[in-house]
Amino acid sequence: MVLFLALFDVEGWADKQNEHVIIDDPVSSLDDHNIFITASSIFDLIGNHFENRKMIITTHHMGLFTILQDWFSKGEKASKFKNNDKEKTPRYKLCILECKEEVAKLTNTKKGVMLYI
């Protein structure tokens, strides 16, 4: 993750990756403190680039998911990510991949409660 963040700030490299950024399971094998620090780094990265790039983050870690969900939906900077009246597509979407009866689908998390202890 550190290498990725460093490359993202290198002039010229990030310009070539101008449409989509995918971060796959960035907190694997981290302790809780470093998961929080990584969540903060990801949130800042998204905050700086979400208007110009599509960003996809996948994780198996419910703690990371819950932290980001909370910051996007009700954190002090959450209003930055809310749709304005002219936009029809959401600026962000938080989903859980569920598999029922061998069918996988993305489920919106707004109907549920996410807790991390």
PDB file of N, CA and C in Angstrom:
ATOM      1  N   MET A   1       0.825  -1.191   0.000  1.00  0.00           N
ATOM      2  CA  MET A   1       0.000   0.000   0.000  1.00  0.00           C
ATOM      3  C   MET A   1       0.866   1.251   0.000  1.00  0.00           C
ATOM      4  N   VAL A   2       1.952   1.238   0.753  1.00  0.00           N
ATOM      5  CA  VAL A   2       2.833   2.405   0.814  1.00  0.00           C
ATOM      6  C   VAL A   2       3.431   2.694  -0.564  1.00  0.00           C
ATOM      7  N   LEU A   3       3.867   1.645  -1.253  1.00  0.00           N
ATOM      8  CA  LEU A   3       4.420   1.822  -2.593  1.00  0.00           C
ATOM      9  C   LEU A   3       3.366   2.392  -3.536  1.00  0.00           C
ATOM     10  N   PHE A   4       2.155   1.883  -3.458  1.00  0.00           N
ATOM     11  CA  PHE A   4       1.070   2.388  -4.297  1.00  0.00           C
ATOM     12  C   PHE A   4       0.836   3.868  -4.043  1.00  0.00           C
ATOM     13  N   LEU A   5       0.741   4.274  -2.779  1.00  0.00           N
ATOM     14  CA  LEU A   5       0.500   5.674  -2.457  1.00  0.00           C
ATOM     15  C   LEU A   5       1.637   6.559  -2.943  1.00  0.00           C
ATOM     16  N   ALA A   6       2.869   6.056  -2.831  1.00  0.00           N
ATOM     17  CA  ALA A   6       4.024   6.814  -3.310  1.00  0.00           C
ATOM     18  C   ALA A   6       3.956   6.980  -4.824  1.00  0.00           C
ATOM     19  N   LEU A   7       3.644   5.908  -5.542  1.00  0.00           N
ATOM     20  CA  LEU A   7       3.552   5.990  -6.996  1.00  0.00           C
ATOM     21  C   LEU A   7       2.415   6.902  -7.441  1.00  0.00           C
ATOM     22  N   PHE A   8       1.354   6.923  -6.687  1.00  0.00           N
ATOM     23  CA  PHE A   8       0.207   7.748  -7.052  1.00  0.00           C
ATOM     24  C   PHE A   8       0.571   9.227  -7.042  1.00  0.00           C
ATOM     25  N   ASP A   9       1.520   9.606  -6.192  1.00  0.00           N
ATOM     26  CA  ASP A   9       1.940  11.003  -6.101  1.00  0.00           C
ATOM     27  C   ASP A   9       3.083  11.351  -7.047  1.00  0.00           C
ATOM     28  N   VAL A  10       3.671  10.354  -7.709  1.00  0.00           N
ATOM     29  CA  VAL A  10       4.757  10.626  -8.647  1.00  0.00           C
ATOM     30  C   VAL A  10       4.156  11.240  -9.907  1.00  0.00           C
ATOM     31  N   GLU A  11       4.650  12.410 -10.259  1.00  0.00           N
ATOM     32  CA  GLU A  11       4.124  13.102 -11.437  1.00  0.00           C
ATOM     33  C   GLU A  11       4.329  12.251 -12.686  1.00  0.00           C
ATOM     34  N   GLY A  12       3.312  12.105 -13.468  1.00  0.00           N
ATOM     35  CA  GLY A  12       3.405  11.326 -14.696  1.00  0.00           C
ATOM     36  C   GLY A  12       2.860   9.925 -14.553  1.00  0.00           C
ATOM     37  N   TRP A  13       3.142   9.238 -13.450  1.00  0.00           N
ATOM     38  CA  TRP A  13       2.652   7.863 -13.299  1.00  0.00           C
ATOM     39  C   TRP A  13       1.142   7.838 -13.154  1.00  0.00           C
ATOM     40  N   ALA A  14       0.626   8.621 -12.239  1.00  0.00           N
ATOM     41  CA  ALA A  14      -0.813   8.620 -11.998  1.00  0.00           C
ATOM     42  C   ALA A  14      -1.574   9.179 -13.192  1.00  0.00           C
ATOM     43  N   ASP A  15      -0.949  10.045 -13.977  1.00  0.00           N
ATOM     44  CA  ASP A  15      -1.626  10.597 -15.141  1.00  0.00           C
ATOM     45  C   ASP A  15      -1.939   9.521 -16.174  1.00  0.00           C
ATOM     46  N   LYS A  16      -1.093   8.507 -16.271  1.00  0.00           N
ATOM     47  CA  LYS A  16      -1.324   7.420 -17.213  1.00  0.00           C
ATOM     48  C   LYS A  16      -2.442   6.499 -16.723  1.00  0.00           C
ATOM     49  N   GLN A  17      -2.673   6.478 -15.436  1.00  0.00           N
ATOM     50  CA  GLN A  17      -3.734   5.666 -14.838  1.00  0.00           C
ATOM     51  C   GLN A  17      -4.908   6.584 -14.533  1.00  0.00           C
ATOM     52  N   ASN A  18      -5.457   7.206 -15.553  1.00  0.00           N
ATOM     53  CA  ASN A  18      -6.369   8.306 -15.288  1.00  0.00           C
ATOM     54  C   ASN A  18      -7.847   7.957 -15.185  1.00  0.00           C
ATOM     55  N   GLU A  19      -8.242   6.720 -15.435  1.00  0.00           N
ATOM     56  CA  GLU A  19      -9.666   6.438 -15.377  1.00  0.00           C
ATOM     57  C   GLU A  19     -10.086   5.596 -14.180  1.00  0.00           C
ATOM     58  N   HIS A  20      -9.371   4.527 -13.904  1.00  0.00           N
ATOM     59  CA  HIS A  20      -9.777   3.605 -12.847  1.00  0.00           C
ATOM     60  C   HIS A  20      -8.592   3.279 -11.946  1.00  0.00           C
ATOM     61  N   VAL A  21      -8.876   3.213 -10.667  1.00  0.00           N
ATOM     62  CA  VAL A  21      -7.886   2.783  -9.674  1.00  0.00           C
ATOM     63  C   VAL A  21      -8.540   1.669  -8.873  1.00  0.00           C
ATOM     64  N   ILE A  22      -7.877   0.528  -8.802  1.00  0.00           N
ATOM     65  CA  ILE A  22      -8.393  -0.609  -8.043  1.00  0.00           C
ATOM     66  C   ILE A  22      -7.396  -0.942  -6.944  1.00  0.00           C
ATOM     67  N   ILE A  23      -7.883  -0.977  -5.717  1.00  0.00           N
ATOM     68  CA  ILE A  23      -7.053  -1.347  -4.571  1.00  0.00           C
ATOM     69  C   ILE A  23      -7.659  -2.620  -3.984  1.00  0.00           C
ATOM     70  N   ASP A  24      -6.914  -3.700  -4.036  1.00  0.00           N
ATOM     71  CA  ASP A  24      -7.427  -4.992  -3.590  1.00  0.00           C
ATOM     72  C   ASP A  24      -6.869  -5.344  -2.216  1.00  0.00           C
ATOM     73  N   ASP A  25      -7.749  -5.447  -1.243  1.00  0.00           N
ATOM     74  CA  ASP A  25      -7.439  -5.874   0.129  1.00  0.00           C
ATOM     75  C   ASP A  25      -6.194  -5.199   0.705  1.00  0.00           C
ATOM     76  N   PRO A  26      -6.255  -3.888   0.907  1.00  0.00           N
ATOM     77  CA  PRO A  26      -5.066  -3.142   1.330  1.00  0.00           C
ATOM     78  C   PRO A  26      -4.630  -3.357   2.776  1.00  0.00           C
ATOM     79  N   VAL A  27      -5.422  -4.034   3.594  1.00  0.00           N
ATOM     80  CA  VAL A  27      -5.069  -4.158   5.005  1.00  0.00           C
ATOM     81  C   VAL A  27      -4.731  -5.581   5.424  1.00  0.00           C
ATOM     82  N   SER A  28      -4.452  -6.425   4.484  1.00  0.00           N
ATOM     83  CA  SER A  28      -4.112  -7.812   4.803  1.00  0.00           C
ATOM     84  C   SER A  28      -2.927  -7.861   5.772  1.00  0.00           C
ATOM     85  N   SER A  29      -3.093  -8.555   6.870  1.00  0.00           N
ATOM     86  CA  SER A  29      -2.060  -8.779   7.894  1.00  0.00           C
ATOM     87  C   SER A  29      -1.658  -7.531   8.679  1.00  0.00           C
ATOM     88  N   LEU A  30      -2.513  -6.515   8.733  1.00  0.00           N
ATOM     89  CA  LEU A  30      -2.195  -5.328   9.525  1.00  0.00           C
ATOM     90  C   LEU A  30      -2.911  -5.381  10.873  1.00  0.00           C
ATOM     91  N   ASP A  31      -2.310  -4.718  11.871  1.00  0.00           N
ATOM     92  CA  ASP A  31      -2.986  -4.612  13.161  1.00  0.00           C
ATOM     93  C   ASP A  31      -4.013  -3.479  13.100  1.00  0.00           C
ATOM     94  N   ASP A  32      -4.847  -3.364  14.138  1.00  0.00           N
ATOM     95  CA  ASP A  32      -5.947  -2.396  14.130  1.00  0.00           C
ATOM     96  C   ASP A  32      -5.474  -0.961  13.926  1.00  0.00           C
ATOM     97  N   HIS A  33      -4.377  -0.575  14.562  1.00  0.00           N
ATOM     98  CA  HIS A  33      -3.871   0.792  14.412  1.00  0.00           C
ATOM     99  C   HIS A  33      -3.517   1.078  12.955  1.00  0.00           C
ATOM    100  N   ASN A  34      -2.803   0.170  12.322  1.00  0.00           N
ATOM    101  CA  ASN A  34      -2.389   0.381  10.938  1.00  0.00           C
ATOM    102  C   ASN A  34      -3.553   0.262   9.963  1.00  0.00           C
ATOM    103  N   ILE A  35      -4.572  -0.489  10.322  1.00  0.00           N
ATOM    104  CA  ILE A  35      -5.784  -0.533   9.502  1.00  0.00           C
ATOM    105  C   ILE A  35      -6.447   0.845   9.506  1.00  0.00           C
ATOM    106  N   PHE A  36      -6.506   1.475  10.664  1.00  0.00           N
ATOM    107  CA  PHE A  36      -7.087   2.809  10.768  1.00  0.00           C
ATOM    108  C   PHE A  36      -6.275   3.822   9.961  1.00  0.00           C
ATOM    109  N   ILE A  37      -4.948   3.748  10.060  1.00  0.00           N
ATOM    110  CA  ILE A  37      -4.068   4.649   9.306  1.00  0.00           C
ATOM    111  C   ILE A  37      -4.255   4.437   7.803  1.00  0.00           C
ATOM    112  N   THR A  38      -4.348   3.174   7.380  1.00  0.00           N
ATOM    113  CA  THR A  38      -4.561   2.865   5.963  1.00  0.00           C
ATOM    114  C   THR A  38      -5.919   3.377   5.498  1.00  0.00           C
ATOM    115  N   ALA A  39      -6.949   3.214   6.322  1.00  0.00           N
ATOM    116  CA  ALA A  39      -8.278   3.730   5.985  1.00  0.00           C
ATOM    117  C   ALA A  39      -8.223   5.242   5.789  1.00  0.00           C
ATOM    118  N   SER A  40      -7.503   5.920   6.658  1.00  0.00           N
ATOM    119  CA  SER A  40      -7.363   7.364   6.542  1.00  0.00           C
ATOM    120  C   SER A  40      -6.644   7.749   5.248  1.00  0.00           C
ATOM    121  N   SER A  41      -5.604   7.008   4.901  1.00  0.00           N
ATOM    122  CA  SER A  41      -4.868   7.276   3.656  1.00  0.00           C
ATOM    123  C   SER A  41      -5.750   7.046   2.438  1.00  0.00           C
ATOM    124  N   ILE A  42      -6.517   5.978   2.446  1.00  0.00           N
ATOM    125  CA  ILE A  42      -7.429   5.673   1.337  1.00  0.00           C
ATOM    126  C   ILE A  42      -8.497   6.757   1.224  1.00  0.00           C
ATOM    127  N   PHE A  43      -9.063   7.161   2.362  1.00  0.00           N
ATOM    128  CA  PHE A  43     -10.097   8.184   2.360  1.00  0.00           C
ATOM    129  C   PHE A  43      -9.554   9.501   1.790  1.00  0.00           C
ATOM    130  N   ASP A  44      -8.346   9.872   2.179  1.00  0.00           N
ATOM    131  CA  ASP A  44      -7.724  11.089   1.655  1.00  0.00           C
ATOM    132  C   ASP A  44      -7.458  10.969   0.155  1.00  0.00           C
ATOM    133  N   LEU A  45      -6.979   9.813  -0.273  1.00  0.00           N
ATOM    134  CA  LEU A  45      -6.708   9.572  -1.686  1.00  0.00           C
ATOM    135  C   LEU A  45      -7.994   9.713  -2.499  1.00  0.00           C
ATOM    136  N   ILE A  46      -9.055   9.113  -2.023  1.00  0.00           N
ATOM    137  CA  ILE A  46     -10.344   9.213  -2.713  1.00  0.00           C
ATOM    138  C   ILE A  46     -10.823  10.667  -2.711  1.00  0.00           C
ATOM    139  N   GLY A  47     -10.700  11.325  -1.581  1.00  0.00           N
ATOM    140  CA  GLY A  47     -11.127  12.718  -1.489  1.00  0.00           C
ATOM    141  C   GLY A  47     -10.410  13.632  -2.467  1.00  0.00           C
ATOM    142  N   ASN A  48      -9.160  13.325  -2.761  1.00  0.00           N
ATOM    143  CA  ASN A  48      -8.377  14.148  -3.681  1.00  0.00           C
ATOM    144  C   ASN A  48      -8.616  13.820  -5.151  1.00  0.00           C
ATOM    145  N   HIS A  49      -9.122  12.612  -5.446  1.00  0.00           N
ATOM    146  CA  HIS A  49      -9.169  12.178  -6.845  1.00  0.00           C
ATOM    147  C   HIS A  49     -10.518  11.638  -7.314  1.00  0.00           C
ATOM    148  N   PHE A  50     -11.538  11.595  -6.472  1.00  0.00           N
ATOM    149  CA  PHE A  50     -12.775  10.909  -6.853  1.00  0.00           C
ATOM    150  C   PHE A  50     -13.511  11.590  -8.011  1.00  0.00           C
ATOM    151  N   GLU A  51     -13.305  12.868  -8.215  1.00  0.00           N
ATOM    152  CA  GLU A  51     -14.005  13.549  -9.300  1.00  0.00           C
ATOM    153  C   GLU A  51     -13.424  13.209 -10.669  1.00  0.00           C
ATOM    154  N   ASN A  52     -12.169  12.760 -10.699  1.00  0.00           N
ATOM    155  CA  ASN A  52     -11.496  12.477 -11.969  1.00  0.00           C
ATOM    156  C   ASN A  52     -11.284  10.994 -12.240  1.00  0.00           C
ATOM    157  N   ARG A  53     -11.424  10.166 -11.227  1.00  0.00           N
ATOM    158  CA  ARG A  53     -11.132   8.741 -11.378  1.00  0.00           C
ATOM    159  C   ARG A  53     -12.200   7.901 -10.693  1.00  0.00           C
ATOM    160  N   LYS A  54     -12.445   6.733 -11.234  1.00  0.00           N
ATOM    161  CA  LYS A  54     -13.281   5.732 -10.570  1.00  0.00           C
ATOM    162  C   LYS A  54     -12.349   4.929  -9.679  1.00  0.00           C
ATOM    163  N   MET A  55     -12.702   4.784  -8.418  1.00  0.00           N
ATOM    164  CA  MET A  55     -11.866   4.041  -7.481  1.00  0.00           C
ATOM    165  C   MET A  55     -12.666   2.882  -6.921  1.00  0.00           C
ATOM    166  N   ILE A  56     -12.063   1.705  -6.980  1.00  0.00           N
ATOM    167  CA  ILE A  56     -12.681   0.490  -6.467  1.00  0.00           C
ATOM    168  C   ILE A  56     -11.770  -0.085  -5.406  1.00  0.00           C
ATOM    169  N   ILE A  57     -12.307  -0.305  -4.223  1.00  0.00           N
ATOM    170  CA  ILE A  57     -11.541  -0.899  -3.125  1.00  0.00           C
ATOM    171  C   ILE A  57     -12.259  -2.169  -2.701  1.00  0.00           C
ATOM    172  N   THR A  58     -11.530  -3.267  -2.684  1.00  0.00           N
ATOM    173  CA  THR A  58     -12.093  -4.523  -2.209  1.00  0.00           C
ATOM    174  C   THR A  58     -11.394  -4.901  -0.911  1.00  0.00           C
ATOM    175  N   THR A  59     -12.146  -5.518  -0.015  1.00  0.00           N
ATOM    176  CA  THR A  59     -11.542  -5.954   1.244  1.00  0.00           C
ATOM    177  C   THR A  59     -12.351  -7.101   1.843  1.00  0.00           C
ATOM    178  N   HIS A  60     -11.659  -7.916   2.605  1.00  0.00           N
ATOM    179  CA  HIS A  60     -12.305  -8.964   3.394  1.00  0.00           C
ATOM    180  C   HIS A  60     -12.457  -8.497   4.839  1.00  0.00           C
ATOM    181  N   HIS A  61     -11.882  -7.354   5.134  1.00  0.00           N
ATOM    182  CA  HIS A  61     -11.810  -6.872   6.508  1.00  0.00           C
ATOM    183  C   HIS A  61     -12.991  -5.952   6.820  1.00  0.00           C
ATOM    184  N   MET A  62     -13.893  -6.408   7.656  1.00  0.00           N
ATOM    185  CA  MET A  62     -15.083  -5.629   7.989  1.00  0.00           C
ATOM    186  C   MET A  62     -14.741  -4.341   8.730  1.00  0.00           C
ATOM    187  N   GLY A  63     -13.631  -4.326   9.444  1.00  0.00           N
ATOM    188  CA  GLY A  63     -13.222  -3.117  10.151  1.00  0.00           C
ATOM    189  C   GLY A  63     -12.926  -1.987   9.177  1.00  0.00           C
ATOM    190  N   LEU A  64     -12.123  -2.281   8.154  1.00  0.00           N
ATOM    191  CA  LEU A  64     -11.816  -1.276   7.132  1.00  0.00           C
ATOM    192  C   LEU A  64     -13.103  -0.820   6.443  1.00  0.00           C
ATOM    193  N   PHE A  65     -13.933  -1.771   6.084  1.00  0.00           N
ATOM    194  CA  PHE A  65     -15.189  -1.443   5.408  1.00  0.00           C
ATOM    195  C   PHE A  65     -16.049  -0.526   6.281  1.00  0.00           C
ATOM    196  N   THR A  66     -16.173  -0.851   7.548  1.00  0.00           N
ATOM    197  CA  THR A  66     -17.010  -0.076   8.458  1.00  0.00           C
ATOM    198  C   THR A  66     -16.472   1.333   8.663  1.00  0.00           C
ATOM    199  N   ILE A  67     -15.166   1.457   8.810  1.00  0.00           N
ATOM    200  CA  ILE A  67     -14.554   2.781   8.975  1.00  0.00           C
ATOM    201  C   ILE A  67     -14.854   3.647   7.754  1.00  0.00           C
ATOM    202  N   LEU A  68     -14.578   3.109   6.562  1.00  0.00           N
ATOM    203  CA  LEU A  68     -14.814   3.879   5.344  1.00  0.00           C
ATOM    204  C   LEU A  68     -16.294   4.182   5.155  1.00  0.00           C
ATOM    205  N   GLN A  69     -17.147   3.217   5.446  1.00  0.00           N
ATOM    206  CA  GLN A  69     -18.590   3.444   5.325  1.00  0.00           C
ATOM    207  C   GLN A  69     -19.031   4.597   6.220  1.00  0.00           C
ATOM    208  N   ASP A  70     -18.547   4.611   7.436  1.00  0.00           N
ATOM    209  CA  ASP A  70     -18.913   5.655   8.380  1.00  0.00           C
ATOM    210  C   ASP A  70     -18.429   7.025   7.900  1.00  0.00           C
ATOM    211  N   TRP A  71     -17.180   7.101   7.469  1.00  0.00           N
ATOM    212  CA  TRP A  71     -16.634   8.380   7.017  1.00  0.00           C
ATOM    213  C   TRP A  71     -17.340   8.895   5.768  1.00  0.00           C
ATOM    214  N   PHE A  72     -17.679   8.006   4.823  1.00  0.00           N
ATOM    215  CA  PHE A  72     -18.364   8.431   3.608  1.00  0.00           C
ATOM    216  C   PHE A  72     -19.801   8.845   3.872  1.00  0.00           C
ATOM    217  N   SER A  73     -20.476   8.148   4.756  1.00  0.00           N
ATOM    218  CA  SER A  73     -21.903   8.408   4.938  1.00  0.00           C
ATOM    219  C   SER A  73     -22.211   9.464   5.987  1.00  0.00           C
ATOM    220  N   LYS A  74     -21.408   9.557   7.062  1.00  0.00           N
ATOM    221  CA  LYS A  74     -21.753  10.518   8.105  1.00  0.00           C
ATOM    222  C   LYS A  74     -20.567  11.215   8.736  1.00  0.00           C
ATOM    223  N   GLY A  75     -19.392  11.061   8.177  1.00  0.00           N
ATOM    224  CA  GLY A  75     -18.223  11.747   8.712  1.00  0.00           C
ATOM    225  C   GLY A  75     -18.271  13.245   8.436  1.00  0.00           C
ATOM    226  N   GLU A  76     -17.330  13.983   9.005  1.00  0.00           N
ATOM    227  CA  GLU A  76     -17.344  15.437   8.856  1.00  0.00           C
ATOM    228  C   GLU A  76     -17.129  15.891   7.411  1.00  0.00           C
ATOM    229  N   LYS A  77     -16.535  15.042   6.567  1.00  0.00           N
ATOM    230  CA  LYS A  77     -16.335  15.387   5.152  1.00  0.00           C
ATOM    231  C   LYS A  77     -17.326  14.672   4.237  1.00  0.00           C
ATOM    232  N   ALA A  78     -18.335  14.027   4.798  1.00  0.00           N
ATOM    233  CA  ALA A  78     -19.277  13.219   4.010  1.00  0.00           C
ATOM    234  C   ALA A  78     -20.033  14.040   2.971  1.00  0.00           C
ATOM    235  N   SER A  79     -20.328  15.298   3.270  1.00  0.00           N
ATOM    236  CA  SER A  79     -21.098  16.110   2.331  1.00  0.00           C
ATOM    237  C   SER A  79     -20.367  16.296   1.001  1.00  0.00           C
ATOM    238  N   LYS A  80     -19.065  16.214   1.015  1.00  0.00           N
ATOM    239  CA  LYS A  80     -18.267  16.337  -0.213  1.00  0.00           C
ATOM    240  C   LYS A  80     -18.613  15.224  -1.210  1.00  0.00           C
ATOM    241  N   PHE A  81     -19.015  14.064  -0.703  1.00  0.00           N
ATOM    242  CA  PHE A  81     -19.264  12.897  -1.548  1.00  0.00           C
ATOM    243  C   PHE A  81     -20.734  12.698  -1.886  1.00  0.00           C
ATOM    244  N   LYS A  82     -21.601  13.509  -1.343  1.00  0.00           N
ATOM    245  CA  LYS A  82     -23.033  13.375  -1.623  1.00  0.00           C
ATOM    246  C   LYS A  82     -23.329  13.940  -3.010  1.00  0.00           C
ATOM    247  N   ASN A  83     -24.344  13.404  -3.652  1.00  0.00           N
ATOM    248  CA  ASN A  83     -24.759  13.884  -4.972  1.00  0.00           C
ATOM    249  C   ASN A  83     -25.313  15.293  -4.874  1.00  0.00           C
ATOM    250  N   ASN A  84     -25.039  16.068  -5.910  1.00  0.00           N
ATOM    251  CA  ASN A  84     -25.765  17.324  -6.002  1.00  0.00           C
ATOM    252  C   ASN A  84     -27.031  17.059  -6.817  1.00  0.00           C
ATOM    253  N   ASP A  85     -27.896  18.029  -6.957  1.00  0.00           N
ATOM    254  CA  ASP A  85     -29.200  17.827  -7.590  1.00  0.00           C
ATOM    255  C   ASP A  85     -29.106  17.421  -9.061  1.00  0.00           C
ATOM    256  N   LYS A  86     -28.024  17.786  -9.742  1.00  0.00           N
ATOM    257  CA  LYS A  86     -27.896  17.513 -11.170  1.00  0.00           C
ATOM    258  C   LYS A  86     -27.366  16.118 -11.478  1.00  0.00           C
ATOM    259  N   GLU A  87     -26.732  15.485 -10.525  1.00  0.00           N
ATOM    260  CA  GLU A  87     -26.108  14.177 -10.763  1.00  0.00           C
ATOM    261  C   GLU A  87     -27.118  13.049 -10.601  1.00  0.00           C
ATOM    262  N   LYS A  88     -27.106  12.134 -11.558  1.00  0.00           N
ATOM    263  CA  LYS A  88     -28.010  10.986 -11.487  1.00  0.00           C
ATOM    264  C   LYS A  88     -27.300   9.742 -10.968  1.00  0.00           C
ATOM    265  N   THR A  89     -26.006   9.632 -11.214  1.00  0.00           N
ATOM    266  CA  THR A  89     -25.273   8.472 -10.716  1.00  0.00           C
ATOM    267  C   THR A  89     -24.604   8.841  -9.398  1.00  0.00           C
ATOM    268  N   PRO A  90     -24.586   7.916  -8.442  1.00  0.00           N
ATOM    269  CA  PRO A  90     -24.009   8.231  -7.133  1.00  0.00           C
ATOM    270  C   PRO A  90     -22.507   8.460  -7.215  1.00  0.00           C
ATOM    271  N   ARG A  91     -22.006   9.322  -6.364  1.00  0.00           N
ATOM    272  CA  ARG A  91     -20.572   9.573  -6.303  1.00  0.00           C
ATOM    273  C   ARG A  91     -19.842   8.420  -5.624  1.00  0.00           C
ATOM    274  N   TYR A  92     -20.528   7.705  -4.768  1.00  0.00           N
ATOM    275  CA  TYR A  92     -19.924   6.531  -4.144  1.00  0.00           C
ATOM    276  C   TYR A  92     -21.011   5.510  -3.872  1.00  0.00           C
ATOM    277  N   LYS A  93     -20.583   4.272  -3.771  1.00  0.00           N
ATOM    278  CA  LYS A  93     -21.513   3.204  -3.442  1.00  0.00           C
ATOM    279  C   LYS A  93     -20.767   2.196  -2.577  1.00  0.00           C
ATOM    280  N   LEU A  94     -21.314   1.898  -1.436  1.00  0.00           N
ATOM    281  CA  LEU A  94     -20.728   0.925  -0.532  1.00  0.00           C
ATOM    282  C   LEU A  94     -21.589  -0.323  -0.561  1.00  0.00           C
ATOM    283  N   CYS A  95     -20.985  -1.444  -0.923  1.00  0.00           N
ATOM    284  CA  CYS A  95     -21.741  -2.686  -1.089  1.00  0.00           C
ATOM    285  C   CYS A  95     -21.009  -3.853  -0.447  1.00  0.00           C
ATOM    286  N   ILE A  96     -21.779  -4.885  -0.155  1.00  0.00           N
ATOM    287  CA  ILE A  96     -21.229  -6.161   0.299  1.00  0.00           C
ATOM    288  C   ILE A  96     -21.584  -7.185  -0.762  1.00  0.00           C
ATOM    289  N   LEU A  97     -20.609  -8.014  -1.130  1.00  0.00           N
ATOM    290  CA  LEU A  97     -20.862  -9.090  -2.080  1.00  0.00           C
ATOM    291  C   LEU A  97     -21.433 -10.269  -1.307  1.00  0.00           C
ATOM    292  N   GLU A  98     -22.649 -10.659  -1.653  1.00  0.00           N
ATOM    293  CA  GLU A  98     -23.314 -11.783  -0.993  1.00  0.00           C
ATOM    294  C   GLU A  98     -23.538 -12.900  -1.999  1.00  0.00           C
ATOM    295  N   CYS A  99     -23.483 -14.117  -1.505  1.00  0.00           N
ATOM    296  CA  CYS A  99     -23.736 -15.268  -2.358  1.00  0.00           C
ATOM    297  C   CYS A  99     -24.846 -16.098  -1.718  1.00  0.00           C
ATOM    298  N   LYS A 100     -25.968 -16.191  -2.413  1.00  0.00           N
ATOM    299  CA  LYS A 100     -27.099 -16.986  -1.938  1.00  0.00           C
ATOM    300  C   LYS A 100     -27.516 -17.921  -3.059  1.00  0.00           C
ATOM    301  N   GLU A 101     -27.618 -19.181  -2.723  1.00  0.00           N
ATOM    302  CA  GLU A 101     -28.021 -20.195  -3.695  1.00  0.00           C
ATOM    303  C   GLU A 101     -27.176 -20.117  -4.969  1.00  0.00           C
ATOM    304  N   GLU A 102     -25.875 -19.996  -4.779  1.00  0.00           N
ATOM    305  CA  GLU A 102     -24.887 -19.960  -5.855  1.00  0.00           C
ATOM    306  C   GLU A 102     -25.039 -18.765  -6.798  1.00  0.00           C
ATOM    307  N   VAL A 103     -25.707 -17.714  -6.338  1.00  0.00           N
ATOM    308  CA  VAL A 103     -25.830 -16.485  -7.111  1.00  0.00           C
ATOM    309  C   VAL A 103     -25.180 -15.365  -6.305  1.00  0.00           C
ATOM    310  N   ALA A 104     -24.201 -14.696  -6.912  1.00  0.00           N
ATOM    311  CA  ALA A 104     -23.520 -13.599  -6.239  1.00  0.00           C
ATOM    312  C   ALA A 104     -24.144 -12.273  -6.661  1.00  0.00           C
ATOM    313  N   LYS A 105     -24.307 -11.372  -5.681  1.00  0.00           N
ATOM    314  CA  LYS A 105     -24.829 -10.050  -6.007  1.00  0.00           C
ATOM    315  C   LYS A 105     -24.274  -9.035  -5.013  1.00  0.00           C
ATOM    316  N   LEU A 106     -24.198  -7.789  -5.467  1.00  0.00           N
ATOM    317  CA  LEU A 106     -23.784  -6.706  -4.602  1.00  0.00           C
ATOM    318  C   LEU A 106     -25.007  -6.175  -3.872  1.00  0.00           C
ATOM    319  N   THR A 107     -24.905  -6.079  -2.549  1.00  0.00           N
ATOM    320  CA  THR A 107     -26.013  -5.619  -1.725  1.00  0.00           C
ATOM    321  C   THR A 107     -25.651  -4.266  -1.129  1.00  0.00           C
ATOM    322  N   ASN A 108     -26.556  -3.326  -1.247  1.00  0.00           N
ATOM    323  CA  ASN A 108     -26.372  -1.999  -0.688  1.00  0.00           C
ATOM    324  C   ASN A 108     -26.358  -2.095   0.836  1.00  0.00           C
ATOM    325  N   THR A 109     -25.458  -1.376   1.477  1.00  0.00           N
ATOM    326  CA  THR A 109     -25.327  -1.468   2.935  1.00  0.00           C
ATOM    327  C   THR A 109     -26.179  -0.467   3.693  1.00  0.00           C
ATOM    328  N   LYS A 110     -26.874   0.409   3.017  1.00  0.00           N
ATOM    329  CA  LYS A 110     -27.635   1.445   3.707  1.00  0.00           C
ATOM    330  C   LYS A 110     -28.780   0.887   4.533  1.00  0.00           C
ATOM    331  N   LYS A 111     -29.220  -0.311   4.241  1.00  0.00           N
ATOM    332  CA  LYS A 111     -30.329  -0.894   4.987  1.00  0.00           C
ATOM    333  C   LYS A 111     -29.871  -1.609   6.246  1.00  0.00           C
ATOM    334  N   GLY A 112     -28.596  -1.882   6.373  1.00  0.00           N
ATOM    335  CA  GLY A 112     -28.089  -2.650   7.493  1.00  0.00           C
ATOM    336  C   GLY A 112     -27.241  -1.828   8.432  1.00  0.00           C
ATOM    337  N   VAL A 113     -26.795  -2.462   9.481  1.00  0.00           N
ATOM    338  CA  VAL A 113     -25.922  -1.833  10.449  1.00  0.00           C
ATOM    339  C   VAL A 113     -24.588  -2.560  10.400  1.00  0.00           C
ATOM    340  N   MET A 114     -23.513  -1.801  10.282  1.00  0.00           N
ATOM    341  CA  MET A 114     -22.181  -2.403  10.251  1.00  0.00           C
ATOM    342  C   MET A 114     -21.459  -2.030  11.539  1.00  0.00           C
ATOM    343  N   LEU A 115     -21.026  -3.016  12.268  1.00  0.00           N
ATOM    344  CA  LEU A 115     -20.305  -2.794  13.524  1.00  0.00           C
ATOM    345  C   LEU A 115     -18.956  -3.481  13.464  1.00  0.00           C
ATOM    346  N   TYR A 116     -17.958  -2.851  14.057  1.00  0.00           N
ATOM    347  CA  TYR A 116     -16.644  -3.458  14.163  1.00  0.00           C
ATOM    348  C   TYR A 116     -16.157  -3.258  15.578  1.00  0.00           C
ATOM    349  N   ILE A 117     -15.822  -4.350  16.249  1.00  0.00           N
ATOM    350  CA  ILE A 117     -15.346  -4.280  17.633  1.00  0.00           C
ATOM    351  C   ILE A 117     -13.948  -4.848  17.710  1.00  0.00           C
TER     352      ILE A 117
END
